[in-house]
Amino acid sequence: MLDPVAWAKRASATRLLTEQTDRIASALTRAGVNVTRDGDVTLISAVTGIVETMASYRACRFLPTIAARDRRPMVNGLKLFMTGHENSRFFRYAVMTCAEPVPAFGDLRKTIQNLSRRITRWANYIKKSKEKRGGGYDVKVLFRGIEFTRATAAERDDAARARGQTSNLADRFGADTVLYHVHANVIYWPTRNIGAVWPDFLRDTHRFMKAEWRDNGKVEKVEEIVKYCSKPNDTLAASDDELVWLYHQTQKLKICQPLGDFKVWMKTLEDRKEKVVSVHQGRGNGFLERVKKGKRERPVDEDDEAGDEDAAFEGVDPPEKPEQKKRSETGEASPPANIVIGLSLPQWRHSPWAEPMIMVQHYDPLRLSEEATCDIAAWKAKAREWWDDAFAPPPEEALRVARMAMDEAMSDEDIREAAEAACYILDTCRPTVPTGTPNQLDEYEIGNEDELEDDLKSVVRLFEGAIVVKEIPYDLSADQRREYEAWQQGIWMQTQRDRMLKRVPEMAAHYDRVRRRMAALGGDCREAA
C-alpha cells in the first residue's frame, strides 16, 4: 500500500504524461508522421476488474511516455549498480554544453552526434595511460545522457542577462527564432586521487569538448542526472512542422547510454534476461532487486534500432537485429484476437493498493475463446488470493479511497484515515475471517453507530452505506487460551524465520564485500577481528 496522498500525486503526474503524449502524437499524425504502432495492448486489473486499453507508440524519444519508459530501467540500473559498487562515493557528475545553439529546422542531429562522439573520445583519452597515448588520469566514464532545451533567442538573452552574462543571440538569429541548446549529463569515476593533476585534467577536458563544461561534484541523486531529452512543455510548444523536424532529427539516436563498467554491468543483465525493478514492502517502502524478465520479447521497432553509427564509431560490432515478420497482406485474415500475454508485476494503477495486470493483445470481449476466458479467470482468482493474504480492503473500498484522493475535496488526514479504515470494512461478498484459526468467530452482530467514539463516527460517515459490525464475545477456557497463545507464538516465530531467510543473501553479500576489502588490505577477516 502507498500513502493515498502520495499515490494521488503520482497518478496525476502519470495521467498528465499520457495526455501530453497523446497531444504530441496527434500533432505528428496531422503532419504526416504516424508514431502509433499496430497491436494495441489491453490491461485488465486482476482484482478491481478495470479494463484499460493502452496506445502503443514507436520509439520516439521526445514522447513523454516513451521517455519515461526508457528512463526507468536506466535510473533503476544505475541506482543498483552504485549500491553494489564499493567506490560509488567517488562518482562525479558533469554537464557538457555545446558552444552554439541550433535554430529550429537546422542540423540538430549532427550537433548531437558530434557531442556524443567528443564525449566518447574524451572518455577513451582520460582512461588510457600515457604510454598508450592517453591522459594517464585513470578516470572512467559511466554514463552519458543527451538533453536539449527549447527557447527563443530573446528568451535566452533575457536568461543570460539575469545570470549577469552577455548574450546577443537576438541580434544574430532574430528575436523570435526558436533555438535548441544541446548539452550532456555525464557521470565519471576518478579511480585514484587526481588532485595533483586536476588543472591538467580540466585543461584537457576543455580541449576535447571545445565548449563549456562544469563539474557538479559527487553524484547525489540519479534522477537529477538521467532525465528526459526534452521537457514535455517545451515539446508541446512546438508547431506541427517543428515536431516532424524534431522526429527526423532524433530518430535512431542514442539519447541515454551506459558506458564503461556500467555498460558491461547492464550487458550482463541483458545476457541473463534480467531487469531491475523496485520491490515494495509495506507502505510503498522497498528496495531495488534483479528479477527475471518475462518470456515475451518486445516487438521489433525500426525506430528502436538506435546506435549503429555510435557502435561502429566506438569499434564495436552492432548487435544483430531479429528478423521482422511480415504483416498480413490486404485481404488476408485479420490478426487473431485476445492473445493473453501474461500477468504483470503488481502496480498502483487504480488505487493506493497494488494489483497485477492481465495483459491481452487485440482484446475483444465478444470473441473471447474458452481458453483465454479460463486463463483470465484463473489469474483473477490467484490475484484475489494474494490481495486477501495481504489484508487489503475489498476492491470497491480501495477504489472509493482512490476517488477521494483524486478528487482532493477532503484534507490529507481525512483521506489517510479513510484508507486506514477501509481495511476493516466488512466485505459481504466473501468471508473476511480465515477459517481454521483458534480465534475464528462463530457469529457477528450489527452494531449501532451511536456506540462508537466521535473520531470513529467521522471515519464511518466517509463510507456511504457502511455497516458497523461487532464481534460477539465469548469466554475462553484455560486450555483454549493456551492453544490461542501457542498459535500466536507459532505465527510470530514463522514470521521471524521468513524475515531471516530473506536477509540471508543480503548478509552473505555484505560479508563477501568485507572479505574482499580485507584481502585487498593484505590480511583476512579473522586477523582483523
Protein backbone atom coordinates (compact mmCIF):
# COMPACT_ATOMS: atom_id res chain seq x y z
CA MET A 1 0.00 0.00 0.00
CA LEU A 2 1.18 3.51 -0.84
CA ASP A 3 0.27 6.61 1.10
CA PRO A 4 -3.00 7.65 -0.61
CA VAL A 5 -2.00 11.31 -0.89
CA ALA A 6 1.37 10.43 -2.45
CA TRP A 7 -0.39 7.93 -4.74
CA ALA A 8 -2.80 10.61 -5.96
CA LYS A 9 0.08 12.92 -6.89
CA ARG A 10 1.82 10.07 -8.68
CA ALA A 11 -1.35 9.10 -10.56
CA SER A 12 -1.95 12.73 -11.59
CA ALA A 13 1.61 13.01 -12.94
CA THR A 14 1.18 9.79 -14.93
CA ARG A 15 -2.12 10.98 -16.35
CA LEU A 16 -0.52 14.29 -17.37
CA LEU A 17 2.29 12.46 -19.19
CA THR A 18 -0.26 10.34 -21.05
CA GLU A 19 -2.26 13.41 -22.09
CA GLN A 20 0.89 15.19 -23.27
CA THR A 21 1.95 12.15 -25.27
CA ASP A 22 -1.46 11.92 -26.95
CA ARG A 23 -1.35 15.60 -27.93
CA ILE A 24 2.16 15.34 -29.40
CA ALA A 25 1.32 12.11 -31.23
CA SER A 26 -1.83 13.71 -32.68
CA ALA A 27 0.18 16.70 -33.88
CA LEU A 28 2.68 14.39 -35.59
CA THR A 29 -0.16 12.44 -37.22
CA ARG A 30 -1.67 15.67 -38.57
CA ALA A 31 1.71 16.49 -40.09
CA GLY A 32 2.01 13.10 -41.76
CA VAL A 33 4.15 11.14 -39.27
CA ASN A 34 2.42 8.19 -37.61
CA VAL A 35 4.13 7.24 -34.35
CA THR A 36 1.36 4.90 -33.21
CA ARG A 37 2.14 1.21 -33.57
CA ASP A 38 -0.27 -1.51 -34.58
CA GLY A 39 -1.19 -4.07 -31.95
CA ASP A 40 -2.91 -2.40 -29.01
CA VAL A 41 -2.49 -3.93 -25.56
CA THR A 42 -5.33 -4.01 -23.06
CA LEU A 43 -4.69 -4.15 -19.31
CA ILE A 44 -7.29 -5.90 -17.17
CA SER A 45 -6.91 -5.21 -13.46
CA ALA A 46 -6.75 -8.63 -11.85
CA VAL A 47 -8.55 -7.54 -8.65
CA THR A 48 -10.62 -4.42 -9.36
CA GLY A 49 -11.54 -5.62 -12.87
CA ILE A 50 -10.91 -2.27 -14.60
CA VAL A 51 -10.25 -2.64 -18.35
CA GLU A 52 -7.89 -0.11 -19.92
CA THR A 53 -6.59 -0.06 -23.50
CA MET A 54 -3.08 1.32 -23.86
CA ALA A 55 -1.89 3.06 -27.00
CA SER A 56 1.44 1.73 -28.27
CA TYR A 57 3.96 4.19 -29.68
CA ARG A 58 7.15 3.89 -31.65
CA ALA A 59 10.47 4.70 -30.02
CA CYS A 60 10.13 8.46 -30.49
CA ARG A 61 12.45 9.73 -27.77
CA PHE A 62 10.70 13.03 -27.05
CA LEU A 63 7.28 11.46 -26.44
CA PRO A 64 6.84 11.76 -22.63
CA THR A 65 5.64 8.18 -22.04
CA ILE A 66 8.42 6.74 -24.23
CA ALA A 67 10.98 8.92 -22.41
CA ALA A 68 9.62 7.68 -19.08
CA ARG A 69 9.74 4.07 -20.31
CA ASP A 70 13.40 4.42 -21.35
CA ARG A 71 14.37 6.38 -18.24
CA ARG A 72 13.00 3.98 -15.62
CA PRO A 73 15.31 0.98 -16.28
CA MET A 74 18.31 3.31 -16.62
CA VAL A 75 17.59 5.00 -13.28
CA ASN A 76 16.93 1.70 -11.50
CA GLY A 77 20.00 0.07 -13.04
CA LEU A 78 22.27 2.97 -12.14
CA LYS A 79 20.98 3.05 -8.56
CA LEU A 80 21.54 -0.67 -8.06
CA PHE A 81 24.94 -0.51 -9.77
CA MET A 82 26.02 2.28 -7.40
CA THR A 83 24.60 0.47 -4.37
CA GLY A 84 26.76 -2.59 -5.08
CA HIS A 85 29.86 -0.62 -6.10
CA GLU A 86 32.35 -0.14 -3.30
CA ASN A 87 33.69 3.12 -4.82
CA SER A 88 30.40 4.76 -5.78
CA ARG A 89 31.05 7.57 -3.29
CA PHE A 90 33.74 8.81 -5.70
CA PHE A 91 31.41 9.04 -8.73
CA ARG A 92 31.13 12.60 -10.05
CA TYR A 93 28.65 14.40 -12.27
CA ALA A 94 29.43 16.91 -15.03
CA VAL A 95 27.43 18.89 -17.60
CA MET A 96 28.94 19.43 -21.05
CA THR A 97 27.26 22.08 -23.20
CA CYS A 98 27.65 22.77 -26.92
CA ALA A 99 29.09 26.17 -27.73
CA GLU A 100 26.42 27.13 -30.26
CA PRO A 101 22.63 26.66 -30.17
CA VAL A 102 20.86 25.13 -33.16
CA PRO A 103 17.99 27.06 -34.79
CA ALA A 104 14.79 25.12 -35.44
CA PHE A 105 14.95 23.20 -38.76
CA GLY A 106 18.75 23.24 -38.54
CA ASP A 107 21.10 20.26 -38.25
CA LEU A 108 20.30 19.19 -34.68
CA ARG A 109 21.18 15.59 -35.46
CA LYS A 110 24.77 16.41 -36.37
CA THR A 111 25.19 18.51 -33.22
CA ILE A 112 24.01 15.64 -31.00
CA GLN A 113 26.24 13.13 -32.80
CA ASN A 114 29.29 15.39 -32.58
CA LEU A 115 28.79 15.96 -28.85
CA SER A 116 28.33 12.21 -28.23
CA ARG A 117 31.47 11.34 -30.18
CA ARG A 118 33.54 14.02 -28.44
CA ILE A 119 32.49 12.54 -25.10
CA THR A 120 33.47 9.06 -26.36
CA ARG A 121 36.93 10.30 -27.44
CA TRP A 122 37.34 12.14 -24.15
CA ALA A 123 36.36 9.00 -22.19
CA ASN A 124 38.97 6.93 -24.05
CA TYR A 125 41.67 9.56 -23.56
CA ILE A 126 41.27 10.13 -19.81
CA LYS A 127 41.10 6.39 -19.14
CA LYS A 128 44.26 5.33 -21.01
CA SER A 129 47.78 5.60 -19.66
CA LYS A 130 50.29 7.99 -21.18
CA GLU A 131 52.20 5.02 -22.63
CA LYS A 132 49.10 4.29 -24.73
CA ARG A 133 48.83 7.95 -25.79
CA GLY A 134 46.21 8.75 -23.18
CA GLY A 135 46.00 11.35 -20.46
CA GLY A 136 47.05 8.98 -17.69
CA TYR A 137 44.28 10.19 -15.36
CA ASP A 138 42.72 6.74 -14.74
CA VAL A 139 39.22 8.22 -14.97
CA LYS A 140 36.32 6.05 -16.20
CA VAL A 141 33.15 7.44 -17.78
CA LEU A 142 30.00 5.52 -16.82
CA PHE A 143 27.03 7.34 -18.34
CA ARG A 144 26.09 9.89 -20.97
CA GLY A 145 22.63 11.44 -21.37
CA ILE A 146 21.74 13.97 -24.06
CA GLU A 147 19.30 16.83 -23.41
CA PHE A 148 18.22 19.86 -25.41
CA THR A 149 16.26 22.91 -24.29
CA ARG A 150 13.93 24.97 -26.49
CA ALA A 151 13.55 28.76 -26.25
CA THR A 152 13.54 31.82 -28.49
CA ALA A 153 16.66 33.90 -28.92
CA ALA A 154 15.13 36.77 -26.95
CA GLU A 155 14.25 34.45 -24.05
CA ARG A 156 17.80 33.10 -23.97
CA ASP A 157 19.25 36.62 -23.95
CA ASP A 158 17.00 37.59 -21.03
CA ALA A 159 18.01 34.48 -19.09
CA ALA A 160 21.71 35.21 -19.71
CA ARG A 161 21.37 38.81 -18.52
CA ALA A 162 19.58 37.58 -15.37
CA ARG A 163 22.70 35.49 -14.65
CA GLY A 164 24.95 38.51 -15.22
CA GLN A 165 26.20 37.28 -18.62
CA THR A 166 26.30 38.95 -22.02
CA SER A 167 24.36 37.42 -24.92
CA ASN A 168 23.44 38.73 -28.39
CA LEU A 169 21.56 35.77 -29.85
CA ALA A 170 18.60 38.00 -30.79
CA ASP A 171 20.88 40.11 -33.00
CA ARG A 172 22.45 37.06 -34.63
CA PHE A 173 19.38 34.86 -35.22
CA GLY A 174 16.40 37.15 -34.75
CA ALA A 175 14.46 37.67 -31.52
CA ASP A 176 11.66 35.21 -32.37
CA THR A 177 13.90 32.44 -33.73
CA VAL A 178 13.49 29.19 -31.80
CA LEU A 179 16.87 27.83 -30.68
CA TYR A 180 17.74 24.36 -29.36
CA HIS A 181 20.72 24.17 -27.00
CA VAL A 182 22.25 20.71 -26.63
CA HIS A 183 24.08 19.52 -23.52
CA ALA A 184 25.02 16.18 -21.95
CA ASN A 185 24.94 14.91 -18.37
CA VAL A 186 27.98 12.74 -17.72
CA ILE A 187 28.91 10.51 -14.77
CA TYR A 188 32.62 9.77 -14.39
CA TRP A 189 34.73 7.97 -11.80
CA PRO A 190 38.29 9.01 -10.87
CA THR A 191 39.74 5.63 -9.84
CA ARG A 192 42.54 7.36 -7.93
CA ASN A 193 43.22 10.73 -6.34
CA ILE A 194 43.90 13.18 -9.20
CA GLY A 195 44.10 16.30 -7.07
CA ALA A 196 47.70 16.95 -8.11
CA VAL A 197 46.85 16.85 -11.83
CA TRP A 198 43.37 18.37 -11.57
CA PRO A 199 44.30 21.56 -13.52
CA ASP A 200 45.70 19.40 -16.34
CA PHE A 201 42.52 17.33 -16.32
CA LEU A 202 40.38 20.47 -16.62
CA ARG A 203 42.51 21.81 -19.46
CA ASP A 204 42.45 18.54 -21.43
CA THR A 205 38.70 18.19 -20.93
CA HIS A 206 38.09 21.70 -22.24
CA ARG A 207 40.33 20.98 -25.24
CA PHE A 208 38.37 17.84 -26.12
CA MET A 209 34.91 19.32 -25.62
CA LYS A 210 35.62 22.70 -27.30
CA ALA A 211 32.73 24.07 -25.29
CA GLU A 212 31.60 24.92 -21.78
CA TRP A 213 31.65 22.18 -19.16
CA ARG A 214 31.03 22.21 -15.44
CA ASP A 215 31.85 19.70 -12.71
CA ASN A 216 28.88 19.44 -10.32
CA GLY A 217 30.57 17.41 -7.61
CA LYS A 218 29.62 13.99 -6.32
CA VAL A 219 26.58 12.12 -7.60
CA GLU A 220 23.80 12.71 -5.07
CA LYS A 221 20.53 11.97 -6.87
CA VAL A 222 20.41 9.82 -10.00
CA GLU A 223 17.03 11.25 -11.07
CA GLU A 224 18.64 14.69 -11.49
CA ILE A 225 21.13 13.25 -14.00
CA VAL A 226 19.08 10.75 -16.01
CA LYS A 227 16.32 12.98 -17.45
CA TYR A 228 14.08 13.27 -20.49
CA CYS A 229 15.85 14.50 -23.62
CA SER A 230 13.32 17.35 -23.86
CA LYS A 231 10.88 18.86 -21.38
CA PRO A 232 7.29 17.92 -22.33
CA ASN A 233 6.11 21.54 -22.06
CA ASP A 234 8.86 22.63 -24.48
CA THR A 235 7.80 19.96 -26.97
CA LEU A 236 4.13 20.91 -26.69
CA ALA A 237 5.01 24.50 -27.57
CA ALA A 238 6.45 23.41 -30.95
CA SER A 239 4.47 23.65 -34.17
CA ASP A 240 3.46 20.57 -36.16
CA ASP A 241 6.22 21.12 -38.73
CA GLU A 242 8.75 21.60 -35.97
CA LEU A 243 7.70 18.31 -34.36
CA VAL A 244 8.18 16.48 -37.66
CA TRP A 245 11.65 18.02 -37.96
CA LEU A 246 12.45 17.03 -34.38
CA TYR A 247 11.25 13.48 -35.02
CA HIS A 248 13.56 13.01 -38.01
CA GLN A 249 16.48 14.70 -36.25
CA THR A 250 16.34 12.37 -33.21
CA GLN A 251 15.30 9.13 -34.98
CA LYS A 252 17.54 6.15 -34.13
CA LEU A 253 19.88 8.23 -31.96
CA LYS A 254 21.32 7.02 -28.66
CA ILE A 255 19.99 9.62 -26.23
CA CYS A 256 20.85 7.92 -22.92
CA GLN A 257 23.72 5.44 -22.96
CA PRO A 258 25.64 3.49 -20.31
CA LEU A 259 29.39 3.50 -20.80
CA GLY A 260 32.40 1.66 -19.42
CA ASP A 261 31.87 -0.55 -16.37
CA PHE A 262 28.20 0.38 -16.14
CA LYS A 263 27.68 -0.69 -19.76
CA VAL A 264 29.29 -4.07 -19.01
CA TRP A 265 27.07 -4.47 -15.95
CA MET A 266 23.91 -3.67 -17.94
CA LYS A 267 25.01 -6.10 -20.67
CA THR A 268 25.28 -8.81 -18.01
CA LEU A 269 21.67 -8.16 -17.04
CA GLU A 270 20.61 -8.44 -20.67
CA ASP A 271 22.51 -11.70 -21.18
CA ARG A 272 20.84 -13.18 -18.10
CA LYS A 273 17.43 -11.89 -19.24
CA GLU A 274 17.09 -9.89 -16.05
CA LYS A 275 15.86 -6.42 -15.22
CA VAL A 276 16.00 -4.16 -12.16
CA VAL A 277 12.67 -3.38 -10.50
CA SER A 278 11.60 -1.78 -7.26
CA VAL A 279 10.21 -4.39 -4.85
CA HIS A 280 7.94 -2.68 -2.35
CA GLN A 281 7.07 -3.80 1.14
CA GLY A 282 4.51 -2.28 3.44
CA ARG A 283 3.54 1.30 2.64
CA GLY A 284 5.46 1.58 -0.59
CA ASN A 285 8.84 1.28 1.11
CA GLY A 286 11.04 -1.12 -0.79
CA PHE A 287 14.33 -1.86 -2.46
CA LEU A 288 15.75 -2.49 -5.93
CA GLU A 289 16.22 -6.08 -7.00
CA ARG A 290 17.20 -8.03 -10.11
CA VAL A 291 14.37 -10.20 -11.43
CA LYS A 292 13.89 -12.43 -14.45
CA LYS A 293 12.19 -10.92 -17.48
CA GLY A 294 9.09 -12.46 -18.91
CA LYS A 295 9.35 -14.88 -21.79
CA ARG A 296 7.66 -12.46 -24.20
CA GLU A 297 10.12 -10.24 -26.05
CA ARG A 298 9.41 -6.66 -27.01
CA PRO A 299 8.25 -6.31 -30.62
CA VAL A 300 10.82 -5.09 -33.09
CA ASP A 301 10.66 -1.36 -33.75
CA GLU A 302 12.63 0.22 -36.56
CA ASP A 303 12.92 3.43 -34.53
CA ASP A 304 14.36 1.46 -31.62
CA GLU A 305 17.35 0.14 -33.58
CA ALA A 306 19.44 3.09 -32.44
CA GLY A 307 23.13 3.38 -32.03
CA ASP A 308 24.58 1.51 -35.02
CA GLU A 309 26.60 4.56 -36.01
CA ASP A 310 27.80 5.10 -32.43
CA ALA A 311 28.73 1.43 -32.09
CA ALA A 312 30.73 1.50 -35.31
CA PHE A 313 32.48 4.67 -34.18
CA GLU A 314 33.47 3.00 -30.89
CA GLY A 315 34.87 -0.02 -32.75
CA VAL A 316 32.11 -2.38 -31.63
CA ASP A 317 30.00 -4.52 -33.93
CA PRO A 318 26.33 -3.50 -33.77
CA PRO A 319 24.02 -6.20 -32.43
CA GLU A 320 22.23 -8.39 -34.91
CA LYS A 321 18.64 -7.33 -35.49
CA PRO A 322 15.99 -10.03 -35.21
CA GLU A 323 14.19 -10.79 -38.41
CA GLN A 324 10.94 -8.90 -38.67
CA LYS A 325 7.83 -10.85 -39.50
CA LYS A 326 5.87 -9.57 -42.46
CA ARG A 327 2.38 -8.34 -41.81
CA SER A 328 -0.61 -9.94 -43.40
CA GLU A 329 -1.31 -8.56 -46.87
CA THR A 330 -4.58 -6.81 -47.63
CA GLY A 331 -7.37 -9.29 -47.98
CA GLU A 332 -5.84 -11.91 -45.75
CA ALA A 333 -7.39 -12.98 -42.48
CA SER A 334 -7.34 -10.41 -39.69
CA PRO A 335 -4.86 -10.95 -36.84
CA PRO A 336 -6.09 -13.19 -34.01
CA ALA A 337 -7.88 -11.50 -31.15
CA ASN A 338 -7.48 -11.89 -27.39
CA ILE A 339 -3.85 -13.01 -27.23
CA VAL A 340 -3.24 -13.38 -23.50
CA ILE A 341 0.33 -12.17 -23.00
CA GLY A 342 0.76 -12.70 -19.29
CA LEU A 343 0.49 -11.24 -15.80
CA SER A 344 2.46 -8.12 -14.86
CA LEU A 345 4.06 -7.26 -11.55
CA PRO A 346 1.71 -5.53 -9.07
CA GLN A 347 1.07 -1.90 -9.99
CA TRP A 348 -0.54 1.06 -8.21
CA ARG A 349 -2.50 1.88 -11.32
CA HIS A 350 -6.01 2.40 -10.00
CA SER A 351 -5.70 2.64 -6.22
CA PRO A 352 -3.11 3.01 -3.42
CA TRP A 353 -3.11 -0.82 -3.17
CA ALA A 354 -1.01 -2.62 -5.80
CA GLU A 355 -2.57 -5.26 -8.02
CA PRO A 356 -1.21 -7.23 -11.00
CA MET A 357 -2.44 -6.56 -14.54
CA ILE A 358 -3.52 -9.16 -17.09
CA MET A 359 -2.11 -8.14 -20.48
CA VAL A 360 -4.17 -9.03 -23.55
CA GLN A 361 -3.36 -8.07 -27.14
CA HIS A 362 -6.21 -7.28 -29.58
CA TYR A 363 -8.74 -7.53 -26.77
CA ASP A 364 -12.30 -8.19 -27.92
CA PRO A 365 -14.66 -9.38 -25.17
CA LEU A 366 -17.16 -10.64 -27.75
CA ARG A 367 -14.58 -13.02 -29.27
CA LEU A 368 -13.04 -14.43 -26.10
CA SER A 369 -12.16 -18.09 -26.51
CA GLU A 370 -12.80 -20.61 -23.76
CA GLU A 371 -9.05 -20.96 -23.15
CA ALA A 372 -8.49 -17.20 -22.82
CA THR A 373 -11.50 -16.88 -20.54
CA CYS A 374 -10.16 -19.63 -18.28
CA ASP A 375 -6.68 -18.05 -18.17
CA ILE A 376 -8.08 -14.65 -17.22
CA ALA A 377 -10.40 -16.15 -14.59
CA ALA A 378 -7.57 -18.23 -13.07
CA TRP A 379 -5.27 -15.21 -12.82
CA LYS A 380 -8.04 -13.12 -11.29
CA ALA A 381 -8.67 -15.79 -8.66
CA LYS A 382 -4.96 -16.05 -7.84
CA ALA A 383 -4.56 -12.28 -7.67
CA ARG A 384 -7.54 -12.01 -5.33
CA GLU A 385 -5.97 -14.64 -3.12
CA TRP A 386 -2.74 -12.61 -2.93
CA TRP A 387 -4.82 -9.49 -2.28
CA ASP A 388 -6.65 -11.07 0.68
CA ASP A 389 -3.45 -12.58 2.09
CA ALA A 390 -2.00 -9.04 2.23
CA PHE A 391 -5.07 -7.89 4.26
CA ALA A 392 -6.05 -5.39 1.56
CA PRO A 393 -9.58 -3.90 1.72
CA PRO A 394 -12.46 -5.01 -0.51
CA PRO A 395 -11.78 -3.80 -4.08
CA GLU A 396 -14.76 -1.42 -4.11
CA GLU A 397 -13.46 0.27 -0.94
CA ALA A 398 -9.97 0.59 -2.44
CA LEU A 399 -11.46 2.35 -5.49
CA ARG A 400 -13.54 4.58 -3.21
CA VAL A 401 -10.41 5.70 -1.34
CA ALA A 402 -8.73 6.31 -4.72
CA ARG A 403 -11.61 8.57 -5.83
CA MET A 404 -11.40 10.51 -2.56
CA ALA A 405 -7.67 11.06 -3.03
CA MET A 406 -8.02 12.12 -6.67
CA ASP A 407 -10.95 14.49 -6.04
CA GLU A 408 -8.92 16.46 -3.46
CA ALA A 409 -12.18 17.50 -1.82
CA MET A 410 -11.01 16.29 1.60
CA SER A 411 -8.00 17.04 3.75
CA ASP A 412 -4.95 14.79 3.56
CA GLU A 413 -5.56 13.48 7.08
CA ASP A 414 -9.17 12.55 6.29
CA ILE A 415 -8.02 10.66 3.18
CA ARG A 416 -5.42 8.77 5.20
CA GLU A 417 -7.97 7.91 7.90
CA ALA A 418 -10.33 6.61 5.22
CA ALA A 419 -7.56 4.41 3.83
CA GLU A 420 -6.80 3.02 7.28
CA ALA A 421 -10.47 2.29 7.92
CA ALA A 422 -11.03 0.65 4.51
CA CYS A 423 -9.10 -2.46 5.55
CA TYR A 424 -11.55 -3.10 8.41
CA ILE A 425 -14.79 -2.73 6.45
CA LEU A 426 -16.74 -5.98 6.14
CA ASP A 427 -16.91 -7.34 2.61
CA THR A 428 -20.31 -9.05 2.47
CA CYS A 429 -19.37 -10.84 -0.76
CA ARG A 430 -16.81 -13.15 0.84
CA PRO A 431 -15.58 -14.19 4.31
CA THR A 432 -13.16 -11.80 5.98
CA VAL A 433 -12.01 -14.12 8.77
CA PRO A 434 -9.78 -17.02 7.62
CA THR A 435 -11.02 -20.46 8.60
CA GLY A 436 -9.11 -22.87 10.79
CA THR A 437 -7.69 -20.31 13.24
CA PRO A 438 -8.29 -20.55 17.01
CA ASN A 439 -9.72 -17.00 17.16
CA GLN A 440 -12.34 -17.59 14.45
CA LEU A 441 -15.70 -16.05 15.41
CA ASP A 442 -18.88 -18.06 15.19
CA GLU A 443 -21.20 -15.07 14.76
CA TYR A 444 -21.36 -11.34 14.06
CA GLU A 445 -23.94 -8.81 15.13
CA ILE A 446 -24.83 -5.42 13.67
CA GLY A 447 -23.78 -2.57 15.90
CA ASN A 448 -25.02 0.97 16.33
CA GLU A 449 -23.07 3.99 15.13
CA ASP A 450 -24.01 5.85 18.33
CA GLU A 451 -21.92 3.37 20.33
CA LEU A 452 -18.72 4.46 18.56
CA GLU A 453 -16.35 7.16 19.71
CA ASP A 454 -16.56 10.55 17.99
CA ASP A 455 -13.38 10.13 15.94
CA LEU A 456 -14.57 6.76 14.63
CA LYS A 457 -18.00 8.16 13.76
CA SER A 458 -16.43 10.70 11.39
CA VAL A 459 -14.48 7.92 9.68
CA VAL A 460 -17.53 5.66 9.25
CA ARG A 461 -19.50 8.51 7.69
CA LEU A 462 -16.90 8.72 4.92
CA PHE A 463 -18.19 5.41 3.54
CA GLU A 464 -21.71 5.61 2.22
CA GLY A 465 -23.74 2.57 3.25
CA ALA A 466 -21.08 1.27 5.67
CA ILE A 467 -22.25 -1.19 8.35
CA VAL A 468 -20.88 -1.28 11.88
CA VAL A 469 -20.10 -4.90 12.75
CA LYS A 470 -19.33 -6.07 16.29
CA GLU A 471 -17.78 -9.33 17.42
CA ILE A 472 -19.88 -11.48 19.77
CA PRO A 473 -17.54 -12.01 22.72
CA TYR A 474 -17.29 -15.41 24.31
CA ASP A 475 -15.21 -16.81 27.17
CA LEU A 476 -12.14 -18.92 26.56
CA SER A 477 -11.27 -21.78 28.84
CA ALA A 478 -7.72 -22.10 30.15
CA ASP A 479 -6.90 -24.80 27.56
CA GLN A 480 -8.33 -22.68 24.73
CA ARG A 481 -6.36 -19.64 25.89
CA ARG A 482 -3.11 -21.65 25.98
CA GLU A 483 -3.89 -23.01 22.49
CA TYR A 484 -4.54 -19.49 21.21
CA GLU A 485 -1.32 -18.12 22.72
CA ALA A 486 0.68 -21.04 21.28
CA TRP A 487 -0.86 -20.37 17.86
CA GLN A 488 0.09 -16.68 18.08
CA GLN A 489 3.66 -17.60 19.15
CA GLY A 490 3.96 -20.02 16.21
CA ILE A 491 2.84 -17.33 13.75
CA TRP A 492 5.36 -14.88 15.23
CA MET A 493 8.22 -17.40 15.02
CA GLN A 494 7.35 -18.28 11.42
CA THR A 495 7.35 -14.57 10.53
CA GLN A 496 10.79 -14.11 12.08
CA ARG A 497 12.13 -17.16 10.21
CA ASP A 498 10.79 -15.81 6.90
CA ARG A 499 12.44 -12.44 7.53
CA MET A 500 15.79 -14.06 8.33
CA LEU A 501 15.65 -16.22 5.19
CA LYS A 502 15.03 -13.13 3.06
CA ARG A 503 18.08 -11.42 4.61
CA VAL A 504 20.45 -14.34 4.05
CA PRO A 505 21.55 -13.24 0.51
CA GLU A 506 21.98 -9.64 1.70
CA MET A 507 24.07 -10.69 4.71
CA ALA A 508 26.17 -13.07 2.59
CA ALA A 509 26.86 -10.29 0.07
CA HIS A 510 27.83 -7.95 2.92
CA TYR A 511 30.33 -10.40 4.44
CA ASP A 512 31.70 -11.16 0.96
CA ARG A 513 32.40 -7.44 0.45
CA VAL A 514 34.11 -7.30 3.86
CA ARG A 515 36.33 -10.27 2.97
CA ARG A 516 37.32 -8.71 -0.36
CA ARG A 517 38.22 -5.42 1.28
CA MET A 518 40.32 -7.12 3.95
CA ALA A 519 42.06 -9.22 1.31
CA ALA A 520 42.90 -6.03 -0.57
CA LEU A 521 44.50 -4.68 2.63
CA GLY A 522 46.73 -7.72 2.90
CA GLY A 523 45.02 -9.58 5.74
CA ASP A 524 41.98 -11.71 6.38
CA CYS A 525 38.88 -11.07 8.43
CA ARG A 526 39.92 -13.24 11.37
CA GLU A 527 43.22 -11.41 11.81
CA ALA A 528 41.44 -8.05 11.65
CA ALA A 529 38.93 -9.19 14.26
